[in-house]
Amino acid sequence: MSAKGNGRQEAIKSAMQHGNKLGAGAAKRRSSHLTKPEKVHVVMKEFQRGTLHSGGGGIVKDRKQAIAIALSEARKGKK
């Protein structure tokens, strides 16, 4: 694997390492330099682990809602 590809894997791994407190995952995804598909990947992994929270604070249990969150966050740029 190329050095660039290895760096992308490290960015994804870094974005997935966060506490299970409310908003920790979203803040970590905003601060990392991930491409849109990588953000979607990270959000879906959080959903699979059961640590994806909705805006209201509850844990997301519906796959369609997780996809909507992933696409929404992929559209948003870094603030």
PDB file of N, CA and C in Angstrom:
ATOM      1  N   MET A   1       0.849  -1.174   0.000  1.00  0.00           N
ATOM      2  CA  MET A   1       0.000   0.000   0.000  1.00  0.00           C
ATOM      3  C   MET A   1       0.890   1.232   0.000  1.00  0.00           C
ATOM      4  N   SER A   2       0.468   2.258  -0.689  1.00  0.00           N
ATOM      5  CA  SER A   2       1.271   3.464  -0.784  1.00  0.00           C
ATOM      6  C   SER A   2       1.231   4.239   0.532  1.00  0.00           C
ATOM      7  N   ALA A   3       2.170   5.159   0.660  1.00  0.00           N
ATOM      8  CA  ALA A   3       2.227   5.964   1.875  1.00  0.00           C
ATOM      9  C   ALA A   3       0.968   6.819   2.019  1.00  0.00           C
ATOM     10  N   LYS A   4       0.451   7.315   0.890  1.00  0.00           N
ATOM     11  CA  LYS A   4      -0.755   8.125   0.929  1.00  0.00           C
ATOM     12  C   LYS A   4      -1.952   7.295   1.402  1.00  0.00           C
ATOM     13  N   GLY A   5      -2.065   6.073   0.902  1.00  0.00           N
ATOM     14  CA  GLY A   5      -3.156   5.188   1.309  1.00  0.00           C
ATOM     15  C   GLY A   5      -3.074   4.836   2.782  1.00  0.00           C
ATOM     16  N   ASN A   6      -1.862   4.651   3.275  1.00  0.00           N
ATOM     17  CA  ASN A   6      -1.667   4.333   4.680  1.00  0.00           C
ATOM     18  C   ASN A   6      -2.068   5.520   5.550  1.00  0.00           C
ATOM     19  N   GLY A   7      -1.791   6.729   5.090  1.00  0.00           N
ATOM     20  CA  GLY A   7      -2.184   7.928   5.829  1.00  0.00           C
ATOM     21  C   GLY A   7      -3.688   8.074   5.913  1.00  0.00           C
ATOM     22  N   ARG A   8      -4.387   7.687   4.854  1.00  0.00           N
ATOM     23  CA  ARG A   8      -5.851   7.756   4.854  1.00  0.00           C
ATOM     24  C   ARG A   8      -6.418   6.775   5.879  1.00  0.00           C
ATOM     25  N   GLN A   9      -5.816   5.580   5.936  1.00  0.00           N
ATOM     26  CA  GLN A   9      -6.274   4.583   6.907  1.00  0.00           C
ATOM     27  C   GLN A   9      -6.080   5.105   8.335  1.00  0.00           C
ATOM     28  N   GLU A  10      -4.967   5.796   8.565  1.00  0.00           N
ATOM     29  CA  GLU A  10      -4.703   6.362   9.890  1.00  0.00           C
ATOM     30  C   GLU A  10      -5.721   7.458  10.214  1.00  0.00           C
ATOM     31  N   ALA A  11      -6.104   8.262   9.221  1.00  0.00           N
ATOM     32  CA  ALA A  11      -7.092   9.319   9.444  1.00  0.00           C
ATOM     33  C   ALA A  11      -8.447   8.718   9.817  1.00  0.00           C
ATOM     34  N   ILE A  12      -8.826   7.652   9.133  1.00  0.00           N
ATOM     35  CA  ILE A  12     -10.091   6.980   9.441  1.00  0.00           C
ATOM     36  C   ILE A  12     -10.042   6.383  10.838  1.00  0.00           C
ATOM     37  N   LYS A  13      -8.942   5.718  11.149  1.00  0.00           N
ATOM     38  CA  LYS A  13      -8.794   5.096  12.466  1.00  0.00           C
ATOM     39  C   LYS A  13      -8.841   6.150  13.570  1.00  0.00           C
ATOM     40  N   SER A  14      -8.204   7.292  13.324  1.00  0.00           N
ATOM     41  CA  SER A  14      -8.196   8.370  14.306  1.00  0.00           C
ATOM     42  C   SER A  14      -9.597   8.935  14.518  1.00  0.00           C
ATOM     43  N   ALA A  15     -10.360   9.082  13.447  1.00  0.00           N
ATOM     44  CA  ALA A  15     -11.712   9.628  13.545  1.00  0.00           C
ATOM     45  C   ALA A  15     -12.642   8.687  14.289  1.00  0.00           C
ATOM     46  N   MET A  16     -12.326   7.411  14.304  1.00  0.00           N
ATOM     47  CA  MET A  16     -13.197   6.435  14.963  1.00  0.00           C
ATOM     48  C   MET A  16     -12.861   6.267  16.442  1.00  0.00           C
ATOM     49  N   GLN A  17     -11.771   6.872  16.901  1.00  0.00           N
ATOM     50  CA  GLN A  17     -11.382   6.731  18.302  1.00  0.00           C
ATOM     51  C   GLN A  17     -11.890   7.935  19.087  1.00  0.00           C
ATOM     52  N   HIS A  18     -12.946   7.732  19.831  1.00  0.00           N
ATOM     53  CA  HIS A  18     -13.520   8.792  20.645  1.00  0.00           C
ATOM     54  C   HIS A  18     -14.302   8.157  21.775  1.00  0.00           C
ATOM     55  N   GLY A  19     -14.575   8.965  22.771  1.00  0.00           N
ATOM     56  CA  GLY A  19     -15.373   8.490  23.894  1.00  0.00           C
ATOM     57  C   GLY A  19     -16.817   8.327  23.491  1.00  0.00           C
ATOM     58  N   ASN A  20     -17.596   7.667  24.326  1.00  0.00           N
ATOM     59  CA  ASN A  20     -19.003   7.418  24.015  1.00  0.00           C
ATOM     60  C   ASN A  20     -19.888   8.516  24.587  1.00  0.00           C
ATOM     61  N   LYS A  21     -19.320   9.690  24.834  1.00  0.00           N
ATOM     62  CA  LYS A  21     -20.163  10.768  25.327  1.00  0.00           C
ATOM     63  C   LYS A  21     -20.834  11.482  24.161  1.00  0.00           C
ATOM     64  N   LEU A  22     -21.938  12.122  24.432  1.00  0.00           N
ATOM     65  CA  LEU A  22     -22.759  12.748  23.400  1.00  0.00           C
ATOM     66  C   LEU A  22     -21.971  13.785  22.612  1.00  0.00           C
ATOM     67  N   GLY A  23     -21.965  13.657  21.304  1.00  0.00           N
ATOM     68  CA  GLY A  23     -21.315  14.616  20.427  1.00  0.00           C
ATOM     69  C   GLY A  23     -19.838  14.387  20.191  1.00  0.00           C
ATOM     70  N   ALA A  24     -19.246  13.406  20.868  1.00  0.00           N
ATOM     71  CA  ALA A  24     -17.805  13.179  20.722  1.00  0.00           C
ATOM     72  C   ALA A  24     -17.451  12.721  19.317  1.00  0.00           C
ATOM     73  N   GLY A  25     -18.256  11.842  18.737  1.00  0.00           N
ATOM     74  CA  GLY A  25     -17.970  11.334  17.398  1.00  0.00           C
ATOM     75  C   GLY A  25     -18.105  12.403  16.333  1.00  0.00           C
ATOM     76  N   ALA A  26     -19.159  13.221  16.443  1.00  0.00           N
ATOM     77  CA  ALA A  26     -19.377  14.281  15.452  1.00  0.00           C
ATOM     78  C   ALA A  26     -18.258  15.307  15.513  1.00  0.00           C
ATOM     79  N   ALA A  27     -17.825  15.662  16.717  1.00  0.00           N
ATOM     80  CA  ALA A  27     -16.736  16.633  16.856  1.00  0.00           C
ATOM     81  C   ALA A  27     -15.449  16.077  16.279  1.00  0.00           C
ATOM     82  N   LYS A  28     -15.192  14.804  16.497  1.00  0.00           N
ATOM     83  CA  LYS A  28     -13.976  14.175  15.979  1.00  0.00           C
ATOM     84  C   LYS A  28     -14.005  14.125  14.448  1.00  0.00           C
ATOM     85  N   ARG A  29     -15.171  13.840  13.878  1.00  0.00           N
ATOM     86  CA  ARG A  29     -15.272  13.788  12.414  1.00  0.00           C
ATOM     87  C   ARG A  29     -15.097  15.168  11.793  1.00  0.00           C
ATOM     88  N   ARG A  30     -15.579  16.209  12.460  1.00  0.00           N
ATOM     89  CA  ARG A  30     -15.416  17.565  11.937  1.00  0.00           C
ATOM     90  C   ARG A  30     -13.956  17.989  11.964  1.00  0.00           C
ATOM     91  N   SER A  31     -13.221  17.585  12.993  1.00  0.00           N
ATOM     92  CA  SER A  31     -11.844  18.045  13.143  1.00  0.00           C
ATOM     93  C   SER A  31     -10.866  17.266  12.260  1.00  0.00           C
ATOM     94  N   SER A  32     -11.250  16.087  11.803  1.00  0.00           N
ATOM     95  CA  SER A  32     -10.335  15.286  10.986  1.00  0.00           C
ATOM     96  C   SER A  32     -10.490  15.638   9.513  1.00  0.00           C
ATOM     97  N   HIS A  33      -9.452  15.388   8.755  1.00  0.00           N
ATOM     98  CA  HIS A  33      -9.457  15.697   7.322  1.00  0.00           C
ATOM     99  C   HIS A  33      -9.847  14.445   6.544  1.00  0.00           C
ATOM    100  N   LEU A  34     -11.128  14.141   6.546  1.00  0.00           N
ATOM    101  CA  LEU A  34     -11.626  12.960   5.856  1.00  0.00           C
ATOM    102  C   LEU A  34     -12.340  13.376   4.577  1.00  0.00           C
ATOM    103  N   THR A  35     -12.260  12.527   3.581  1.00  0.00           N
ATOM    104  CA  THR A  35     -13.021  12.763   2.364  1.00  0.00           C
ATOM    105  C   THR A  35     -14.477  12.385   2.632  1.00  0.00           C
ATOM    106  N   LYS A  36     -15.372  12.726   1.737  1.00  0.00           N
ATOM    107  CA  LYS A  36     -16.793  12.432   1.937  1.00  0.00           C
ATOM    108  C   LYS A  36     -17.065  10.937   2.094  1.00  0.00           C
ATOM    109  N   PRO A  37     -16.504  10.075   1.237  1.00  0.00           N
ATOM    110  CA  PRO A  37     -16.761   8.641   1.434  1.00  0.00           C
ATOM    111  C   PRO A  37     -16.192   8.111   2.759  1.00  0.00           C
ATOM    112  N   GLU A  38     -15.088   8.681   3.196  1.00  0.00           N
ATOM    113  CA  GLU A  38     -14.508   8.243   4.466  1.00  0.00           C
ATOM    114  C   GLU A  38     -15.393   8.649   5.635  1.00  0.00           C
ATOM    115  N   LYS A  39     -16.008   9.835   5.565  1.00  0.00           N
ATOM    116  CA  LYS A  39     -16.925  10.261   6.623  1.00  0.00           C
ATOM    117  C   LYS A  39     -18.129   9.333   6.694  1.00  0.00           C
ATOM    118  N   VAL A  40     -18.660   8.957   5.529  1.00  0.00           N
ATOM    119  CA  VAL A  40     -19.796   8.042   5.497  1.00  0.00           C
ATOM    120  C   VAL A  40     -19.397   6.708   6.120  1.00  0.00           C
ATOM    121  N   HIS A  41     -18.199   6.232   5.788  1.00  0.00           N
ATOM    122  CA  HIS A  41     -17.697   4.967   6.331  1.00  0.00           C
ATOM    123  C   HIS A  41     -17.611   5.032   7.859  1.00  0.00           C
ATOM    124  N   VAL A  42     -17.076   6.119   8.383  1.00  0.00           N
ATOM    125  CA  VAL A  42     -16.903   6.256   9.830  1.00  0.00           C
ATOM    126  C   VAL A  42     -18.256   6.314  10.530  1.00  0.00           C
ATOM    127  N   VAL A  43     -19.205   7.057   9.964  1.00  0.00           N
ATOM    128  CA  VAL A  43     -20.534   7.158  10.580  1.00  0.00           C
ATOM    129  C   VAL A  43     -21.222   5.798  10.592  1.00  0.00           C
ATOM    130  N   MET A  44     -21.126   5.058   9.508  1.00  0.00           N
ATOM    131  CA  MET A  44     -21.775   3.747   9.459  1.00  0.00           C
ATOM    132  C   MET A  44     -21.109   2.765  10.421  1.00  0.00           C
ATOM    133  N   LYS A  45     -19.802   2.871  10.609  1.00  0.00           N
ATOM    134  CA  LYS A  45     -19.132   2.018  11.598  1.00  0.00           C
ATOM    135  C   LYS A  45     -19.628   2.345  12.999  1.00  0.00           C
ATOM    136  N   GLU A  46     -19.829   3.647  13.286  1.00  0.00           N
ATOM    137  CA  GLU A  46     -20.367   4.032  14.595  1.00  0.00           C
ATOM    138  C   GLU A  46     -21.764   3.454  14.780  1.00  0.00           C
ATOM    139  N   PHE A  47     -22.563   3.480  13.719  1.00  0.00           N
ATOM    140  CA  PHE A  47     -23.908   2.907  13.799  1.00  0.00           C
ATOM    141  C   PHE A  47     -23.827   1.420  14.115  1.00  0.00           C
ATOM    142  N   GLN A  48     -22.927   0.708  13.435  1.00  0.00           N
ATOM    143  CA  GLN A  48     -22.787  -0.725  13.654  1.00  0.00           C
ATOM    144  C   GLN A  48     -22.327  -1.030  15.080  1.00  0.00           C
ATOM    145  N   ARG A  49     -21.474  -0.162  15.648  1.00  0.00           N
ATOM    146  CA  ARG A  49     -21.005  -0.361  17.021  1.00  0.00           C
ATOM    147  C   ARG A  49     -22.048   0.040  18.047  1.00  0.00           C
ATOM    148  N   GLY A  50     -23.059   0.828  17.594  1.00  0.00           N
ATOM    149  CA  GLY A  50     -24.108   1.281  18.510  1.00  0.00           C
ATOM    150  C   GLY A  50     -23.734   2.549  19.247  1.00  0.00           C
ATOM    151  N   THR A  51     -22.792   3.335  18.711  1.00  0.00           N
ATOM    152  CA  THR A  51     -22.376   4.562  19.381  1.00  0.00           C
ATOM    153  C   THR A  51     -22.762   5.819  18.615  1.00  0.00           C
ATOM    154  N   LEU A  52     -23.554   5.685  17.549  1.00  0.00           N
ATOM    155  CA  LEU A  52     -23.976   6.844  16.769  1.00  0.00           C
ATOM    156  C   LEU A  52     -25.176   7.490  17.450  1.00  0.00           C
ATOM    157  N   HIS A  53     -25.050   8.777  17.759  1.00  0.00           N
ATOM    158  CA  HIS A  53     -26.118   9.517  18.420  1.00  0.00           C
ATOM    159  C   HIS A  53     -26.788  10.453  17.422  1.00  0.00           C
ATOM    160  N   SER A  54     -28.083  10.646  17.589  1.00  0.00           N
ATOM    161  CA  SER A  54     -28.805  11.597  16.749  1.00  0.00           C
ATOM    162  C   SER A  54     -28.644  12.989  17.347  1.00  0.00           C
ATOM    163  N   GLY A  55     -29.185  13.988  16.675  1.00  0.00           N
ATOM    164  CA  GLY A  55     -29.095  15.360  17.173  1.00  0.00           C
ATOM    165  C   GLY A  55     -29.785  15.542  18.506  1.00  0.00           C
ATOM    166  N   GLY A  56     -30.818  14.759  18.764  1.00  0.00           N
ATOM    167  CA  GLY A  56     -31.550  14.856  20.021  1.00  0.00           C
ATOM    168  C   GLY A  56     -30.874  14.135  21.169  1.00  0.00           C
ATOM    169  N   GLY A  57     -29.831  13.379  20.888  1.00  0.00           N
ATOM    170  CA  GLY A  57     -29.079  12.723  21.943  1.00  0.00           C
ATOM    171  C   GLY A  57     -29.299  11.230  22.050  1.00  0.00           C
ATOM    172  N   GLY A  58     -30.349  10.713  21.414  1.00  0.00           N
ATOM    173  CA  GLY A  58     -30.603   9.282  21.504  1.00  0.00           C
ATOM    174  C   GLY A  58     -29.713   8.490  20.560  1.00  0.00           C
ATOM    175  N   ILE A  59     -29.511   7.234  20.888  1.00  0.00           N
ATOM    176  CA  ILE A  59     -28.716   6.363  20.031  1.00  0.00           C
ATOM    177  C   ILE A  59     -29.544   5.978  18.814  1.00  0.00           C
ATOM    178  N   VAL A  60     -28.926   6.058  17.649  1.00  0.00           N
ATOM    179  CA  VAL A  60     -29.606   5.759  16.394  1.00  0.00           C
ATOM    180  C   VAL A  60     -29.751   4.245  16.248  1.00  0.00           C
ATOM    181  N   LYS A  61     -30.993   3.782  16.020  1.00  0.00           N
ATOM    182  CA  LYS A  61     -31.248   2.354  15.866  1.00  0.00           C
ATOM    183  C   LYS A  61     -31.742   1.996  14.468  1.00  0.00           C
ATOM    184  N   ASP A  62     -32.087   3.010  13.672  1.00  0.00           N
ATOM    185  CA  ASP A  62     -32.620   2.789  12.336  1.00  0.00           C
ATOM    186  C   ASP A  62     -31.519   3.015  11.302  1.00  0.00           C
ATOM    187  N   ARG A  63     -31.311   2.033  10.428  1.00  0.00           N
ATOM    188  CA  ARG A  63     -30.250   2.112   9.419  1.00  0.00           C
ATOM    189  C   ARG A  63     -30.461   3.288   8.475  1.00  0.00           C
ATOM    190  N   LYS A  64     -31.720   3.546   8.109  1.00  0.00           N
ATOM    191  CA  LYS A  64     -32.004   4.659   7.198  1.00  0.00           C
ATOM    192  C   LYS A  64     -31.659   6.001   7.835  1.00  0.00           C
ATOM    193  N   GLN A  65     -31.891   6.128   9.134  1.00  0.00           N
ATOM    194  CA  GLN A  65     -31.530   7.360   9.826  1.00  0.00           C
ATOM    195  C   GLN A  65     -30.012   7.509   9.865  1.00  0.00           C
ATOM    196  N   ALA A  66     -29.293   6.405  10.059  1.00  0.00           N
ATOM    197  CA  ALA A  66     -27.832   6.443  10.075  1.00  0.00           C
ATOM    198  C   ALA A  66     -27.295   6.882   8.714  1.00  0.00           C
ATOM    199  N   ILE A  67     -27.907   6.390   7.651  1.00  0.00           N
ATOM    200  CA  ILE A  67     -27.491   6.786   6.300  1.00  0.00           C
ATOM    201  C   ILE A  67     -27.751   8.277   6.094  1.00  0.00           C
ATOM    202  N   ALA A  68     -28.885   8.771   6.570  1.00  0.00           N
ATOM    203  CA  ALA A  68     -29.206  10.190   6.430  1.00  0.00           C
ATOM    204  C   ALA A  68     -28.198  11.056   7.181  1.00  0.00           C
ATOM    205  N   ILE A  69     -27.814  10.635   8.382  1.00  0.00           N
ATOM    206  CA  ILE A  69     -26.808  11.364   9.155  1.00  0.00           C
ATOM    207  C   ILE A  69     -25.475  11.342   8.431  1.00  0.00           C
ATOM    208  N   ALA A  70     -25.100  10.178   7.899  1.00  0.00           N
ATOM    209  CA  ALA A  70     -23.818  10.046   7.204  1.00  0.00           C
ATOM    210  C   ALA A  70     -23.746  10.962   5.985  1.00  0.00           C
ATOM    211  N   LEU A  71     -24.806  10.987   5.185  1.00  0.00           N
ATOM    212  CA  LEU A  71     -24.820  11.828   3.990  1.00  0.00           C
ATOM    213  C   LEU A  71     -24.849  13.306   4.353  1.00  0.00           C
ATOM    214  N   SER A  72     -25.559  13.639   5.418  1.00  0.00           N
ATOM    215  CA  SER A  72     -25.624  15.026   5.855  1.00  0.00           C
ATOM    216  C   SER A  72     -24.247  15.511   6.323  1.00  0.00           C
ATOM    217  N   GLU A  73     -23.561  14.704   7.105  1.00  0.00           N
ATOM    218  CA  GLU A  73     -22.249  15.089   7.592  1.00  0.00           C
ATOM    219  C   GLU A  73     -21.218  15.114   6.466  1.00  0.00           C
ATOM    220  N   ALA A  74     -21.398  14.272   5.475  1.00  0.00           N
ATOM    221  CA  ALA A  74     -20.473  14.281   4.333  1.00  0.00           C
ATOM    222  C   ALA A  74     -20.631  15.567   3.534  1.00  0.00           C
ATOM    223  N   ARG A  75     -21.851  16.094   3.482  1.00  0.00           N
ATOM    224  CA  ARG A  75     -22.088  17.352   2.761  1.00  0.00           C
ATOM    225  C   ARG A  75     -21.473  18.544   3.478  1.00  0.00           C
ATOM    226  N   LYS A  76     -21.480  18.505   4.801  1.00  0.00           N
ATOM    227  CA  LYS A  76     -20.970  19.633   5.577  1.00  0.00           C
ATOM    228  C   LYS A  76     -19.453  19.700   5.477  1.00  0.00           C
ATOM    229  N   GLY A  77     -18.951  20.880   5.350  1.00  0.00           N
ATOM    230  CA  GLY A  77     -17.515  21.078   5.325  1.00  0.00           C
ATOM    231  C   GLY A  77     -16.963  21.254   6.725  1.00  0.00           C
ATOM    232  N   LYS A  78     -15.673  21.400   6.820  1.00  0.00           N
ATOM    233  CA  LYS A  78     -15.040  21.632   8.112  1.00  0.00           C
ATOM    234  C   LYS A  78     -15.341  23.056   8.552  1.00  0.00           C
ATOM    235  N   LYS A  79     -15.743  23.225   9.814  1.00  0.00           N
ATOM    236  CA  LYS A  79     -16.054  24.562  10.328  1.00  0.00           C
ATOM    237  C   LYS A  79     -15.008  25.012  11.305  1.00  0.00           C
TER     238      LYS A  79
END
